[in-house]
Amino acid sequence: MDVLQWEFKIKITQKVILTQINQKKKSLSVFIVGLPPINTIV
Protein backbone atom coordinates (compact mmCIF):
# COMPACT_ATOMS: atom_id res chain seq x y z
CA MET A 1 0.00 0.00 0.00
CA ASP A 2 1.19 3.50 -0.79
CA VAL A 3 2.31 5.50 2.24
CA LEU A 4 0.27 8.55 1.18
CA GLN A 5 -2.87 6.42 0.87
CA TRP A 6 -2.21 5.00 4.34
CA GLU A 7 -1.81 8.46 5.92
CA PHE A 8 -4.95 9.65 4.13
CA LYS A 9 -6.95 6.72 5.52
CA ILE A 10 -5.66 7.42 9.04
CA LYS A 11 -6.65 11.09 8.77
CA ILE A 12 -10.16 10.18 7.61
CA THR A 13 -10.51 7.65 10.42
CA GLN A 14 -9.42 10.25 13.00
CA LYS A 15 -11.94 12.76 11.62
CA VAL A 16 -14.75 10.21 11.75
CA ILE A 17 -13.87 9.23 15.34
CA LEU A 18 -13.68 12.89 16.42
CA THR A 19 -17.05 13.61 14.82
CA GLN A 20 -18.62 10.63 16.58
CA ILE A 21 -17.15 11.70 19.94
CA ASN A 22 -18.47 15.26 19.48
CA GLN A 23 -21.94 13.98 18.62
CA LYS A 24 -21.92 11.71 21.69
CA LYS A 25 -20.84 14.62 23.91
CA LYS A 26 -23.71 16.75 22.57
CA SER A 27 -26.32 14.03 23.10
CA LEU A 28 -24.84 13.27 26.53
CA SER A 29 -25.03 16.91 27.67
CA VAL A 30 -28.62 17.11 26.40
CA PHE A 31 -29.37 13.88 28.27
CA ILE A 32 -27.88 15.26 31.51
CA VAL A 33 -29.73 18.59 31.13
CA GLY A 34 -32.96 16.63 30.65
CA LEU A 35 -32.38 14.77 33.93
CA PRO A 36 -31.52 17.20 36.76
CA PRO A 37 -31.71 14.59 39.58
CA ILE A 38 -28.76 12.64 38.12
CA ASN A 39 -26.92 15.93 37.70
CA THR A 40 -27.28 16.76 41.41
CA ILE A 41 -26.12 13.27 42.44
CA VAL A 42 -23.00 13.64 40.28
PDB file of N, CA and C in Angstrom:
ATOM      1  N   MET A   1       0.849  -1.206   0.000  1.00  0.00           N
ATOM      2  CA  MET A   1       0.000   0.000   0.000  1.00  0.00           C
ATOM      3  C   MET A   1       0.880   1.250   0.000  1.00  0.00           C
ATOM      4  N   ASP A   2       0.447   2.247  -0.720  1.00  0.00           N
ATOM      5  CA  ASP A   2       1.186   3.502  -0.792  1.00  0.00           C
ATOM      6  C   ASP A   2       1.132   4.218   0.561  1.00  0.00           C
ATOM      7  N   VAL A   3       2.241   4.819   0.938  1.00  0.00           N
ATOM      8  CA  VAL A   3       2.308   5.499   2.244  1.00  0.00           C
ATOM      9  C   VAL A   3       1.313   6.660   2.303  1.00  0.00           C
ATOM     10  N   LEU A   4       1.202   7.417   1.206  1.00  0.00           N
ATOM     11  CA  LEU A   4       0.270   8.548   1.182  1.00  0.00           C
ATOM     12  C   LEU A   4      -1.157   8.073   1.374  1.00  0.00           C
ATOM     13  N   GLN A   5      -1.520   6.977   0.720  1.00  0.00           N
ATOM     14  CA  GLN A   5      -2.870   6.425   0.872  1.00  0.00           C
ATOM     15  C   GLN A   5      -3.110   6.058   2.329  1.00  0.00           C
ATOM     16  N   TRP A   6      -2.105   5.440   2.948  1.00  0.00           N
ATOM     17  CA  TRP A   6      -2.214   5.003   4.342  1.00  0.00           C
ATOM     18  C   TRP A   6      -2.454   6.204   5.260  1.00  0.00           C
ATOM     19  N   GLU A   7      -1.646   7.253   5.096  1.00  0.00           N
ATOM     20  CA  GLU A   7      -1.807   8.464   5.922  1.00  0.00           C
ATOM     21  C   GLU A   7      -3.179   9.085   5.704  1.00  0.00           C
ATOM     22  N   PHE A   8      -3.642   9.086   4.452  1.00  0.00           N
ATOM     23  CA  PHE A   8      -4.955   9.649   4.126  1.00  0.00           C
ATOM     24  C   PHE A   8      -6.053   8.884   4.853  1.00  0.00           C
ATOM     25  N   LYS A   9      -5.950   7.548   4.845  1.00  0.00           N
ATOM     26  CA  LYS A   9      -6.950   6.721   5.523  1.00  0.00           C
ATOM     27  C   LYS A   9      -6.943   6.989   7.020  1.00  0.00           C
ATOM     28  N   ILE A  10      -5.758   7.140   7.603  1.00  0.00           N
ATOM     29  CA  ILE A  10      -5.655   7.417   9.041  1.00  0.00           C
ATOM     30  C   ILE A  10      -6.321   8.753   9.365  1.00  0.00           C
ATOM     31  N   LYS A  11      -6.050   9.762   8.526  1.00  0.00           N
ATOM     32  CA  LYS A  11      -6.648  11.088   8.774  1.00  0.00           C
ATOM     33  C   LYS A  11      -8.170  11.012   8.716  1.00  0.00           C
ATOM     34  N   ILE A  12      -8.701  10.308   7.728  1.00  0.00           N
ATOM     35  CA  ILE A  12     -10.162  10.177   7.607  1.00  0.00           C
ATOM     36  C   ILE A  12     -10.721   9.475   8.832  1.00  0.00           C
ATOM     37  N   THR A  13     -10.050   8.400   9.254  1.00  0.00           N
ATOM     38  CA  THR A  13     -10.514   7.648  10.424  1.00  0.00           C
ATOM     39  C   THR A  13     -10.530   8.548  11.652  1.00  0.00           C
ATOM     40  N   GLN A  14      -9.481   9.336  11.847  1.00  0.00           N
ATOM     41  CA  GLN A  14      -9.423  10.245  12.999  1.00  0.00           C
ATOM     42  C   GLN A  14     -10.566  11.255  12.952  1.00  0.00           C
ATOM     43  N   LYS A  15     -10.842  11.784  11.757  1.00  0.00           N
ATOM     44  CA  LYS A  15     -11.937  12.762  11.620  1.00  0.00           C
ATOM     45  C   LYS A  15     -13.264  12.125  11.984  1.00  0.00           C
ATOM     46  N   VAL A  16     -13.484  10.905  11.475  1.00  0.00           N
ATOM     47  CA  VAL A  16     -14.751  10.210  11.750  1.00  0.00           C
ATOM     48  C   VAL A  16     -14.898   9.979  13.249  1.00  0.00           C
ATOM     49  N   ILE A  17     -13.822   9.511  13.891  1.00  0.00           N
ATOM     50  CA  ILE A  17     -13.865   9.230  15.336  1.00  0.00           C
ATOM     51  C   ILE A  17     -14.144  10.522  16.108  1.00  0.00           C
ATOM     52  N   LEU A  18     -13.464  11.602  15.741  1.00  0.00           N
ATOM     53  CA  LEU A  18     -13.676  12.885  16.425  1.00  0.00           C
ATOM     54  C   LEU A  18     -15.118  13.350  16.273  1.00  0.00           C
ATOM     55  N   THR A  19     -15.662  13.200  15.059  1.00  0.00           N
ATOM     56  CA  THR A  19     -17.054  13.610  14.823  1.00  0.00           C
ATOM     57  C   THR A  19     -17.994  12.804  15.697  1.00  0.00           C
ATOM     58  N   GLN A  20     -17.765  11.491  15.771  1.00  0.00           N
ATOM     59  CA  GLN A  20     -18.624  10.628  16.579  1.00  0.00           C
ATOM     60  C   GLN A  20     -18.543  11.025  18.050  1.00  0.00           C
ATOM     61  N   ILE A  21     -17.328  11.313  18.535  1.00  0.00           N
ATOM     62  CA  ILE A  21     -17.146  11.703  19.944  1.00  0.00           C
ATOM     63  C   ILE A  21     -17.896  13.009  20.213  1.00  0.00           C
ATOM     64  N   ASN A  22     -17.771  13.980  19.306  1.00  0.00           N
ATOM     65  CA  ASN A  22     -18.468  15.262  19.483  1.00  0.00           C
ATOM     66  C   ASN A  22     -19.971  15.070  19.521  1.00  0.00           C
ATOM     67  N   GLN A  23     -20.499  14.218  18.633  1.00  0.00           N
ATOM     68  CA  GLN A  23     -21.942  13.977  18.616  1.00  0.00           C
ATOM     69  C   GLN A  23     -22.377  13.319  19.919  1.00  0.00           C
ATOM     70  N   LYS A  24     -21.578  12.383  20.438  1.00  0.00           N
ATOM     71  CA  LYS A  24     -21.922  11.713  21.692  1.00  0.00           C
ATOM     72  C   LYS A  24     -21.897  12.707  22.847  1.00  0.00           C
ATOM     73  N   LYS A  25     -20.913  13.598  22.852  1.00  0.00           N
ATOM     74  CA  LYS A  25     -20.843  14.618  23.911  1.00  0.00           C
ATOM     75  C   LYS A  25     -22.091  15.494  23.893  1.00  0.00           C
ATOM     76  N   LYS A  26     -22.525  15.898  22.690  1.00  0.00           N
ATOM     77  CA  LYS A  26     -23.714  16.747  22.571  1.00  0.00           C
ATOM     78  C   LYS A  26     -24.938  16.022  23.107  1.00  0.00           C
ATOM     79  N   SER A  27     -25.140  14.776  22.655  1.00  0.00           N
ATOM     80  CA  SER A  27     -26.322  14.031  23.095  1.00  0.00           C
ATOM     81  C   SER A  27     -26.236  13.748  24.589  1.00  0.00           C
ATOM     82  N   LEU A  28     -25.019  13.542  25.106  1.00  0.00           N
ATOM     83  CA  LEU A  28     -24.843  13.267  26.530  1.00  0.00           C
ATOM     84  C   LEU A  28     -25.196  14.498  27.355  1.00  0.00           C
ATOM     85  N   SER A  29     -24.728  15.681  26.930  1.00  0.00           N
ATOM     86  CA  SER A  29     -25.035  16.910  27.672  1.00  0.00           C
ATOM     87  C   SER A  29     -26.529  17.194  27.628  1.00  0.00           C
ATOM     88  N   VAL A  30     -27.167  16.935  26.500  1.00  0.00           N
ATOM     89  CA  VAL A  30     -28.624  17.113  26.401  1.00  0.00           C
ATOM     90  C   VAL A  30     -29.318  16.143  27.347  1.00  0.00           C
ATOM     91  N   PHE A  31     -28.814  14.916  27.399  1.00  0.00           N
ATOM     92  CA  PHE A  31     -29.371  13.882  28.270  1.00  0.00           C
ATOM     93  C   PHE A  31     -29.269  14.313  29.735  1.00  0.00           C
ATOM     94  N   ILE A  32     -28.100  14.841  30.121  1.00  0.00           N
ATOM     95  CA  ILE A  32     -27.880  15.261  31.509  1.00  0.00           C
ATOM     96  C   ILE A  32     -28.775  16.466  31.837  1.00  0.00           C
ATOM     97  N   VAL A  33     -28.884  17.410  30.914  1.00  0.00           N
ATOM     98  CA  VAL A  33     -29.733  18.589  31.130  1.00  0.00           C
ATOM     99  C   VAL A  33     -31.185  18.150  31.302  1.00  0.00           C
ATOM    100  N   GLY A  34     -31.586  17.111  30.570  1.00  0.00           N
ATOM    101  CA  GLY A  34     -32.961  16.632  30.653  1.00  0.00           C
ATOM    102  C   GLY A  34     -33.245  15.898  31.956  1.00  0.00           C
ATOM    103  N   LEU A  35     -32.182  15.513  32.683  1.00  0.00           N
ATOM    104  CA  LEU A  35     -32.382  14.766  33.930  1.00  0.00           C
ATOM    105  C   LEU A  35     -31.626  15.429  35.077  1.00  0.00           C
ATOM    106  N   PRO A  36     -32.185  16.479  35.668  1.00  0.00           N
ATOM    107  CA  PRO A  36     -31.519  17.204  36.757  1.00  0.00           C
ATOM    108  C   PRO A  36     -31.204  16.352  37.993  1.00  0.00           C
ATOM    109  N   PRO A  37     -32.036  15.367  38.380  1.00  0.00           N
ATOM    110  CA  PRO A  37     -31.706  14.594  39.582  1.00  0.00           C
ATOM    111  C   PRO A  37     -30.357  13.888  39.484  1.00  0.00           C
ATOM    112  N   ILE A  38     -30.059  13.308  38.311  1.00  0.00           N
ATOM    113  CA  ILE A  38     -28.762  12.642  38.124  1.00  0.00           C
ATOM    114  C   ILE A  38     -27.652  13.683  38.221  1.00  0.00           C
ATOM    115  N   ASN A  39     -27.911  14.862  37.684  1.00  0.00           N
ATOM    116  CA  ASN A  39     -26.919  15.932  37.699  1.00  0.00           C
ATOM    117  C   ASN A  39     -26.551  16.301  39.143  1.00  0.00           C
ATOM    118  N   THR A  40     -27.542  16.370  40.026  1.00  0.00           N
ATOM    119  CA  THR A  40     -27.275  16.762  41.411  1.00  0.00           C
ATOM    120  C   THR A  40     -26.549  15.644  42.161  1.00  0.00           C
ATOM    121  N   ILE A  41     -26.829  14.389  41.810  1.00  0.00           N
ATOM    122  CA  ILE A  41     -26.121  13.268  42.445  1.00  0.00           C
ATOM    123  C   ILE A  41     -24.646  13.293  42.061  1.00  0.00           C
ATOM    124  N   VAL A  42     -24.387  13.566  40.755  1.00  0.00           N
ATOM    125  CA  VAL A  42     -22.997  13.638  40.281  1.00  0.00           C
ATOM    126  C   VAL A  42     -22.435  15.006  40.619  1.00  0.00           C
TER     127      VAL A  42
END
